[in-house]
PDB file of N, CA and C in Angstrom:
ATOM      1  N   MET A   1     -15.738   2.130  31.558  1.00  0.00           N
ATOM      2  CA  MET A   1     -16.195   1.653  32.840  1.00  0.00           C
ATOM      3  C   MET A   1     -15.370   0.428  33.218  1.00  0.00           C
ATOM      4  N   GLU A   2     -14.973   0.380  34.462  1.00  0.00           N
ATOM      5  CA  GLU A   2     -14.213  -0.755  34.992  1.00  0.00           C
ATOM      6  C   GLU A   2     -15.046  -1.462  36.058  1.00  0.00           C
ATOM      7  N   ASN A   3     -15.066  -2.758  35.986  1.00  0.00           N
ATOM      8  CA  ASN A   3     -15.717  -3.566  37.018  1.00  0.00           C
ATOM      9  C   ASN A   3     -14.652  -4.238  37.862  1.00  0.00           C
ATOM     10  N   ASN A   4     -15.024  -4.628  39.040  1.00  0.00           N
ATOM     11  CA  ASN A   4     -14.138  -5.402  39.909  1.00  0.00           C
ATOM     12  C   ASN A   4     -12.841  -4.679  40.234  1.00  0.00           C
ATOM     13  N   VAL A   5     -12.923  -3.398  40.510  1.00  0.00           N
ATOM     14  CA  VAL A   5     -11.752  -2.615  40.904  1.00  0.00           C
ATOM     15  C   VAL A   5     -11.366  -2.937  42.345  1.00  0.00           C
ATOM     16  N   LEU A   6     -12.360  -3.258  43.159  1.00  0.00           N
ATOM     17  CA  LEU A   6     -12.104  -3.645  44.551  1.00  0.00           C
ATOM     18  C   LEU A   6     -11.958  -5.154  44.652  1.00  0.00           C
ATOM     19  N   LEU A   7     -11.059  -5.580  45.496  1.00  0.00           N
ATOM     20  CA  LEU A   7     -10.850  -6.994  45.759  1.00  0.00           C
ATOM     21  C   LEU A   7     -11.174  -7.251  47.225  1.00  0.00           C
ATOM     22  N   ARG A   8     -12.047  -8.220  47.477  1.00  0.00           N
ATOM     23  CA  ARG A   8     -12.363  -8.580  48.863  1.00  0.00           C
ATOM     24  C   ARG A   8     -11.260  -9.504  49.359  1.00  0.00           C
ATOM     25  N   LEU A   9     -10.593  -9.072  50.418  1.00  0.00           N
ATOM     26  CA  LEU A   9      -9.475  -9.834  50.969  1.00  0.00           C
ATOM     27  C   LEU A   9      -9.913 -10.888  51.972  1.00  0.00           C
ATOM     28  N   LYS A  10     -10.971 -10.582  52.703  1.00  0.00           N
ATOM     29  CA  LYS A  10     -11.411 -11.468  53.778  1.00  0.00           C
ATOM     30  C   LYS A  10     -12.912 -11.684  53.683  1.00  0.00           C
ATOM     31  N   HIS A  11     -13.338 -12.861  54.033  1.00  0.00           N
ATOM     32  CA  HIS A  11     -14.765 -13.151  54.166  1.00  0.00           C
ATOM     33  C   HIS A  11     -15.033 -13.351  55.643  1.00  0.00           C
ATOM     34  N   LYS A  12     -15.699 -12.390  56.215  1.00  0.00           N
ATOM     35  CA  LYS A  12     -15.998 -12.428  57.648  1.00  0.00           C
ATOM     36  C   LYS A  12     -17.465 -12.779  57.839  1.00  0.00           C
ATOM     37  N   THR A  13     -17.940 -12.638  59.051  1.00  0.00           N
ATOM     38  CA  THR A  13     -19.340 -12.890  59.360  1.00  0.00           C
ATOM     39  C   THR A  13     -20.216 -12.000  58.479  1.00  0.00           C
ATOM     40  N   PRO A  14     -21.250 -12.568  57.834  1.00  0.00           N
ATOM     41  CA  PRO A  14     -22.144 -11.735  57.019  1.00  0.00           C
ATOM     42  C   PRO A  14     -22.730 -10.589  57.852  1.00  0.00           C
ATOM     43  N   GLN A  15     -22.762  -9.399  57.267  1.00  0.00           N
ATOM     44  CA  GLN A  15     -23.242  -8.214  57.981  1.00  0.00           C
ATOM     45  C   GLN A  15     -24.665  -8.404  58.515  1.00  0.00           C
ATOM     46  N   ALA A  16     -25.505  -9.133  57.776  1.00  0.00           N
ATOM     47  CA  ALA A  16     -26.899  -9.333  58.187  1.00  0.00           C
ATOM     48  C   ALA A  16     -27.007 -10.073  59.521  1.00  0.00           C
ATOM     49  N   GLU A  17     -25.965 -10.825  59.881  1.00  0.00           N
ATOM     50  CA  GLU A  17     -25.984 -11.572  61.141  1.00  0.00           C
ATOM     51  C   GLU A  17     -25.553 -10.722  62.336  1.00  0.00           C
ATOM     52  N   LEU A  18     -25.053  -9.527  62.079  1.00  0.00           N
ATOM     53  CA  LEU A  18     -24.567  -8.661  63.155  1.00  0.00           C
ATOM     54  C   LEU A  18     -25.664  -7.699  63.583  1.00  0.00           C
ATOM     55  N   LYS A  19     -25.696  -7.410  64.868  1.00  0.00           N
ATOM     56  CA  LYS A  19     -26.824  -6.669  65.434  1.00  0.00           C
ATOM     57  C   LYS A  19     -26.691  -5.152  65.429  1.00  0.00           C
ATOM     58  N   ASP A  20     -25.496  -4.623  65.652  1.00  0.00           N
ATOM     59  CA  ASP A  20     -25.408  -3.169  65.768  1.00  0.00           C
ATOM     60  C   ASP A  20     -24.320  -2.584  64.872  1.00  0.00           C
ATOM     61  N   LYS A  21     -24.353  -1.259  64.758  1.00  0.00           N
ATOM     62  CA  LYS A  21     -23.429  -0.547  63.872  1.00  0.00           C
ATOM     63  C   LYS A  21     -21.973  -0.783  64.267  1.00  0.00           C
ATOM     64  N   ARG A  22     -21.687  -0.822  65.551  1.00  0.00           N
ATOM     65  CA  ARG A  22     -20.302  -1.025  66.004  1.00  0.00           C
ATOM     66  C   ARG A  22     -19.756  -2.370  65.516  1.00  0.00           C
ATOM     67  N   GLU A  23     -20.566  -3.435  65.645  1.00  0.00           N
ATOM     68  CA  GLU A  23     -20.144  -4.756  65.174  1.00  0.00           C
ATOM     69  C   GLU A  23     -19.944  -4.755  63.663  1.00  0.00           C
ATOM     70  N   ARG A  24     -20.847  -4.114  62.943  1.00  0.00           N
ATOM     71  CA  ARG A  24     -20.752  -4.077  61.479  1.00  0.00           C
ATOM     72  C   ARG A  24     -19.537  -3.276  61.023  1.00  0.00           C
ATOM     73  N   THR A  25     -19.257  -2.184  61.714  1.00  0.00           N
ATOM     74  CA  THR A  25     -18.085  -1.371  61.370  1.00  0.00           C
ATOM     75  C   THR A  25     -16.808  -2.161  61.605  1.00  0.00           C
ATOM     76  N   ARG A  26     -16.714  -2.795  62.741  1.00  0.00           N
ATOM     77  CA  ARG A  26     -15.524  -3.595  63.068  1.00  0.00           C
ATOM     78  C   ARG A  26     -15.372  -4.756  62.077  1.00  0.00           C
ATOM     79  N   ASN A  27     -16.478  -5.373  61.698  1.00  0.00           N
ATOM     80  CA  ASN A  27     -16.467  -6.520  60.792  1.00  0.00           C
ATOM     81  C   ASN A  27     -16.036  -6.139  59.373  1.00  0.00           C
ATOM     82  N   SER A  28     -16.248  -4.883  58.989  1.00  0.00           N
ATOM     83  CA  SER A  28     -15.938  -4.473  57.614  1.00  0.00           C
ATOM     84  C   SER A  28     -14.560  -3.827  57.464  1.00  0.00           C
ATOM     85  N   LYS A  29     -13.829  -3.660  58.549  1.00  0.00           N
ATOM     86  CA  LYS A  29     -12.499  -3.028  58.479  1.00  0.00           C
ATOM     87  C   LYS A  29     -11.500  -3.919  57.748  1.00  0.00           C
ATOM     88  N   ASN A  30     -10.745  -3.297  56.853  1.00  0.00           N
ATOM     89  CA  ASN A  30      -9.633  -3.957  56.153  1.00  0.00           C
ATOM     90  C   ASN A  30     -10.034  -5.207  55.380  1.00  0.00           C
ATOM     91  N   ILE A  31     -11.242  -5.202  54.793  1.00  0.00           N
ATOM     92  CA  ILE A  31     -11.644  -6.370  54.010  1.00  0.00           C
ATOM     93  C   ILE A  31     -11.468  -6.155  52.509  1.00  0.00           C
ATOM     94  N   PHE A  32     -11.127  -4.930  52.099  1.00  0.00           N
ATOM     95  CA  PHE A  32     -10.967  -4.634  50.676  1.00  0.00           C
ATOM     96  C   PHE A  32      -9.566  -4.152  50.346  1.00  0.00           C
ATOM     97  N   ALA A  33      -9.192  -4.361  49.085  1.00  0.00           N
ATOM     98  CA  ALA A  33      -7.964  -3.788  48.531  1.00  0.00           C
ATOM     99  C   ALA A  33      -8.293  -3.294  47.128  1.00  0.00           C
ATOM    100  N   CYS A  34      -7.495  -2.378  46.658  1.00  0.00           N
ATOM    101  CA  CYS A  34      -7.630  -1.859  45.298  1.00  0.00           C
ATOM    102  C   CYS A  34      -6.293  -2.114  44.593  1.00  0.00           C
ATOM    103  N   PRO A  35      -6.104  -3.324  44.050  1.00  0.00           N
ATOM    104  CA  PRO A  35      -4.809  -3.681  43.473  1.00  0.00           C
ATOM    105  C   PRO A  35      -4.451  -2.892  42.214  1.00  0.00           C
ATOM    106  N   ARG A  36      -5.439  -2.309  41.544  1.00  0.00           N
ATOM    107  CA  ARG A  36      -5.179  -1.530  40.330  1.00  0.00           C
ATOM    108  C   ARG A  36      -5.522  -0.068  40.582  1.00  0.00           C
ATOM    109  N   SER A  37      -4.749   0.574  41.450  1.00  0.00           N
ATOM    110  CA  SER A  37      -5.028   1.968  41.795  1.00  0.00           C
ATOM    111  C   SER A  37      -4.953   2.878  40.570  1.00  0.00           C
ATOM    112  N   ASP A  38      -4.221   2.457  39.539  1.00  0.00           N
ATOM    113  CA  ASP A  38      -4.144   3.260  38.318  1.00  0.00           C
ATOM    114  C   ASP A  38      -5.513   3.432  37.660  1.00  0.00           C
ATOM    115  N   LEU A  39      -6.441   2.527  37.940  1.00  0.00           N
ATOM    116  CA  LEU A  39      -7.777   2.615  37.351  1.00  0.00           C
ATOM    117  C   LEU A  39      -8.662   3.650  38.041  1.00  0.00           C
ATOM    118  N   VAL A  40      -8.301   4.059  39.264  1.00  0.00           N
ATOM    119  CA  VAL A  40      -9.151   4.991  40.007  1.00  0.00           C
ATOM    120  C   VAL A  40      -8.495   6.338  40.275  1.00  0.00           C
ATOM    121  N   GLN A  41      -7.197   6.441  40.088  1.00  0.00           N
ATOM    122  CA  GLN A  41      -6.487   7.683  40.419  1.00  0.00           C
ATOM    123  C   GLN A  41      -7.066   8.872  39.658  1.00  0.00           C
ATOM    124  N   GLY A  42      -7.483   9.880  40.436  1.00  0.00           N
ATOM    125  CA  GLY A  42      -8.005  11.113  39.866  1.00  0.00           C
ATOM    126  C   GLY A  42      -9.387  11.003  39.255  1.00  0.00           C
ATOM    127  N   LYS A  43     -10.077   9.903  39.493  1.00  0.00           N
ATOM    128  CA  LYS A  43     -11.383   9.685  38.870  1.00  0.00           C
ATOM    129  C   LYS A  43     -12.507   9.709  39.896  1.00  0.00           C
ATOM    130  N   VAL A  44     -13.712   9.933  39.389  1.00  0.00           N
ATOM    131  CA  VAL A  44     -14.915   9.799  40.198  1.00  0.00           C
ATOM    132  C   VAL A  44     -15.354   8.343  40.058  1.00  0.00           C
ATOM    133  N   VAL A  45     -15.509   7.665  41.177  1.00  0.00           N
ATOM    134  CA  VAL A  45     -15.862   6.246  41.181  1.00  0.00           C
ATOM    135  C   VAL A  45     -17.289   6.091  41.686  1.00  0.00           C
ATOM    136  N   ILE A  46     -18.083   5.320  40.964  1.00  0.00           N
ATOM    137  CA  ILE A  46     -19.442   5.007  41.401  1.00  0.00           C
ATOM    138  C   ILE A  46     -19.418   3.594  41.966  1.00  0.00           C
ATOM    139  N   LEU A  47     -19.781   3.493  43.220  1.00  0.00           N
ATOM    140  CA  LEU A  47     -19.763   2.233  43.949  1.00  0.00           C
ATOM    141  C   LEU A  47     -21.204   1.771  44.118  1.00  0.00           C
ATOM    142  N   VAL A  48     -21.531   0.570  43.649  1.00  0.00           N
ATOM    143  CA  VAL A  48     -22.901   0.054  43.697  1.00  0.00           C
ATOM    144  C   VAL A  48     -22.963  -1.105  44.686  1.00  0.00           C
ATOM    145  N   ASP A  49     -23.964  -1.048  45.579  1.00  0.00           N
ATOM    146  CA  ASP A  49     -24.170  -2.117  46.556  1.00  0.00           C
ATOM    147  C   ASP A  49     -25.639  -2.511  46.534  1.00  0.00           C
ATOM    148  N   ASP A  50     -25.923  -3.772  46.848  1.00  0.00           N
ATOM    149  CA  ASP A  50     -27.304  -4.241  46.792  1.00  0.00           C
ATOM    150  C   ASP A  50     -28.147  -3.748  47.968  1.00  0.00           C
ATOM    151  N   ILE A  51     -27.551  -3.658  49.144  1.00  0.00           N
ATOM    152  CA  ILE A  51     -28.298  -3.211  50.321  1.00  0.00           C
ATOM    153  C   ILE A  51     -27.358  -2.500  51.288  1.00  0.00           C
ATOM    154  N   SER A  52     -27.891  -1.525  51.995  1.00  0.00           N
ATOM    155  CA  SER A  52     -27.104  -0.819  53.006  1.00  0.00           C
ATOM    156  C   SER A  52     -27.974  -0.610  54.235  1.00  0.00           C
ATOM    157  N   THR A  53     -27.496  -1.111  55.357  1.00  0.00           N
ATOM    158  CA  THR A  53     -28.212  -0.918  56.616  1.00  0.00           C
ATOM    159  C   THR A  53     -27.543   0.186  57.420  1.00  0.00           C
ATOM    160  N   THR A  54     -26.254   0.028  57.696  1.00  0.00           N
ATOM    161  CA  THR A  54     -25.523   1.048  58.457  1.00  0.00           C
ATOM    162  C   THR A  54     -24.543   1.824  57.588  1.00  0.00           C
ATOM    163  N   GLY A  55     -24.248   1.320  56.400  1.00  0.00           N
ATOM    164  CA  GLY A  55     -23.283   1.981  55.522  1.00  0.00           C
ATOM    165  C   GLY A  55     -21.840   1.595  55.793  1.00  0.00           C
ATOM    166  N   SER A  56     -21.610   0.664  56.704  1.00  0.00           N
ATOM    167  CA  SER A  56     -20.247   0.295  57.096  1.00  0.00           C
ATOM    168  C   SER A  56     -19.426  -0.260  55.939  1.00  0.00           C
ATOM    169  N   THR A  57     -20.016  -1.138  55.153  1.00  0.00           N
ATOM    170  CA  THR A  57     -19.280  -1.733  54.032  1.00  0.00           C
ATOM    171  C   THR A  57     -18.987  -0.681  52.971  1.00  0.00           C
ATOM    172  N   LEU A  58     -19.973   0.155  52.663  1.00  0.00           N
ATOM    173  CA  LEU A  58     -19.752   1.235  51.692  1.00  0.00           C
ATOM    174  C   LEU A  58     -18.687   2.205  52.180  1.00  0.00           C
ATOM    175  N   ASP A  59     -18.729   2.545  53.451  1.00  0.00           N
ATOM    176  CA  ASP A  59     -17.728   3.455  54.020  1.00  0.00           C
ATOM    177  C   ASP A  59     -16.321   2.886  53.878  1.00  0.00           C
ATOM    178  N   GLU A  60     -16.167   1.606  54.173  1.00  0.00           N
ATOM    179  CA  GLU A  60     -14.847   0.978  54.091  1.00  0.00           C
ATOM    180  C   GLU A  60     -14.378   0.892  52.639  1.00  0.00           C
ATOM    181  N   ALA A  61     -15.272   0.530  51.731  1.00  0.00           N
ATOM    182  CA  ALA A  61     -14.912   0.466  50.316  1.00  0.00           C
ATOM    183  C   ALA A  61     -14.508   1.850  49.809  1.00  0.00           C
ATOM    184  N   ALA A  62     -15.256   2.875  50.181  1.00  0.00           N
ATOM    185  CA  ALA A  62     -14.933   4.244  49.768  1.00  0.00           C
ATOM    186  C   ALA A  62     -13.596   4.687  50.344  1.00  0.00           C
ATOM    187  N   ARG A  63     -13.320   4.309  51.584  1.00  0.00           N
ATOM    188  CA  ARG A  63     -12.043   4.663  52.213  1.00  0.00           C
ATOM    189  C   ARG A  63     -10.871   4.090  51.417  1.00  0.00           C
ATOM    190  N   ILE A  64     -10.984   2.841  51.015  1.00  0.00           N
ATOM    191  CA  ILE A  64      -9.910   2.199  50.249  1.00  0.00           C
ATOM    192  C   ILE A  64      -9.766   2.850  48.875  1.00  0.00           C
ATOM    193  N   LEU A  65     -10.878   3.152  48.227  1.00  0.00           N
ATOM    194  CA  LEU A  65     -10.819   3.795  46.908  1.00  0.00           C
ATOM    195  C   LEU A  65     -10.183   5.178  46.996  1.00  0.00           C
ATOM    196  N   LYS A  66     -10.555   5.960  48.017  1.00  0.00           N
ATOM    197  CA  LYS A  66      -9.953   7.289  48.199  1.00  0.00           C
ATOM    198  C   LYS A  66      -8.463   7.162  48.509  1.00  0.00           C
ATOM    199  N   LYS A  67      -8.112   6.203  49.347  1.00  0.00           N
ATOM    200  CA  LYS A  67      -6.708   5.961  49.686  1.00  0.00           C
ATOM    201  C   LYS A  67      -5.911   5.567  48.436  1.00  0.00           C
ATOM    202  N   SER A  68      -6.592   4.940  47.477  1.00  0.00           N
ATOM    203  CA  SER A  68      -5.949   4.507  46.234  1.00  0.00           C
ATOM    204  C   SER A  68      -5.920   5.600  45.175  1.00  0.00           C
ATOM    205  N   GLY A  69      -6.454   6.781  45.514  1.00  0.00           N
ATOM    206  CA  GLY A  69      -6.337   7.915  44.612  1.00  0.00           C
ATOM    207  C   GLY A  69      -7.609   8.397  43.952  1.00  0.00           C
ATOM    208  N   ALA A  70      -8.755   7.780  44.258  1.00  0.00           N
ATOM    209  CA  ALA A  70     -10.014   8.248  43.671  1.00  0.00           C
ATOM    210  C   ALA A  70     -10.273   9.684  44.121  1.00  0.00           C
ATOM    211  N   GLU A  71     -10.688  10.519  43.182  1.00  0.00           N
ATOM    212  CA  GLU A  71     -10.994  11.915  43.511  1.00  0.00           C
ATOM    213  C   GLU A  71     -12.261  12.003  44.348  1.00  0.00           C
ATOM    214  N   LYS A  72     -13.253  11.185  43.972  1.00  0.00           N
ATOM    215  CA  LYS A  72     -14.547  11.211  44.649  1.00  0.00           C
ATOM    216  C   LYS A  72     -15.169   9.826  44.518  1.00  0.00           C
ATOM    217  N   VAL A  73     -15.909   9.402  45.542  1.00  0.00           N
ATOM    218  CA  VAL A  73     -16.615   8.125  45.497  1.00  0.00           C
ATOM    219  C   VAL A  73     -18.093   8.397  45.751  1.00  0.00           C
ATOM    220  N   ILE A  74     -18.923   7.940  44.835  1.00  0.00           N
ATOM    221  CA  ILE A  74     -20.373   8.082  44.949  1.00  0.00           C
ATOM    222  C   ILE A  74     -20.949   6.694  45.194  1.00  0.00           C
ATOM    223  N   GLY A  75     -21.723   6.540  46.264  1.00  0.00           N
ATOM    224  CA  GLY A  75     -22.338   5.251  46.578  1.00  0.00           C
ATOM    225  C   GLY A  75     -23.779   5.207  46.105  1.00  0.00           C
ATOM    226  N   LEU A  76     -24.117   4.158  45.373  1.00  0.00           N
ATOM    227  CA  LEU A  76     -25.494   3.911  44.945  1.00  0.00           C
ATOM    228  C   LEU A  76     -25.953   2.608  45.581  1.00  0.00           C
ATOM    229  N   VAL A  77     -27.126   2.646  46.200  1.00  0.00           N
ATOM    230  CA  VAL A  77     -27.644   1.476  46.902  1.00  0.00           C
ATOM    231  C   VAL A  77     -29.019   1.134  46.347  1.00  0.00           C
ATOM    232  N   VAL A  78     -29.245  -0.162  46.095  1.00  0.00           N
ATOM    233  CA  VAL A  78     -30.516  -0.622  45.557  1.00  0.00           C
ATOM    234  C   VAL A  78     -31.595  -0.621  46.639  1.00  0.00           C
ATOM    235  N   ALA A  79     -31.249  -1.063  47.855  1.00  0.00           N
ATOM    236  CA  ALA A  79     -32.225  -1.131  48.947  1.00  0.00           C
ATOM    237  C   ALA A  79     -31.579  -0.719  50.261  1.00  0.00           C
ATOM    238  N   LYS A  80     -32.374  -0.127  51.127  1.00  0.00           N
ATOM    239  CA  LYS A  80     -31.888   0.236  52.459  1.00  0.00           C
ATOM    240  C   LYS A  80     -32.574  -0.681  53.459  1.00  0.00           C
ATOM    241  N   GLY A  81     -31.753  -1.326  54.312  1.00  0.00           N
ATOM    242  CA  GLY A  81     -32.298  -2.285  55.283  1.00  0.00           C
ATOM    243  C   GLY A  81     -32.589  -1.659  56.609  1.00  0.00           C
TER     244      GLY A  81
END
């Protein structure tokens, strides 16, 4: 198991402060990188998040992981807002 495969590049406005899905989607674009793509290439990645309201952050993280070569990304969320 590998931790910290994703790197947050930018700290933008906290998602909880944004009102709608469009704002949250725009706010979460291009905030992650996967500097060690060798750790995810051809693998199933389980992505864990504490809360998901619109799924924008999970979607963006999954997009970067897939772009880095992950075969599949499974999102697990502790709470739905």
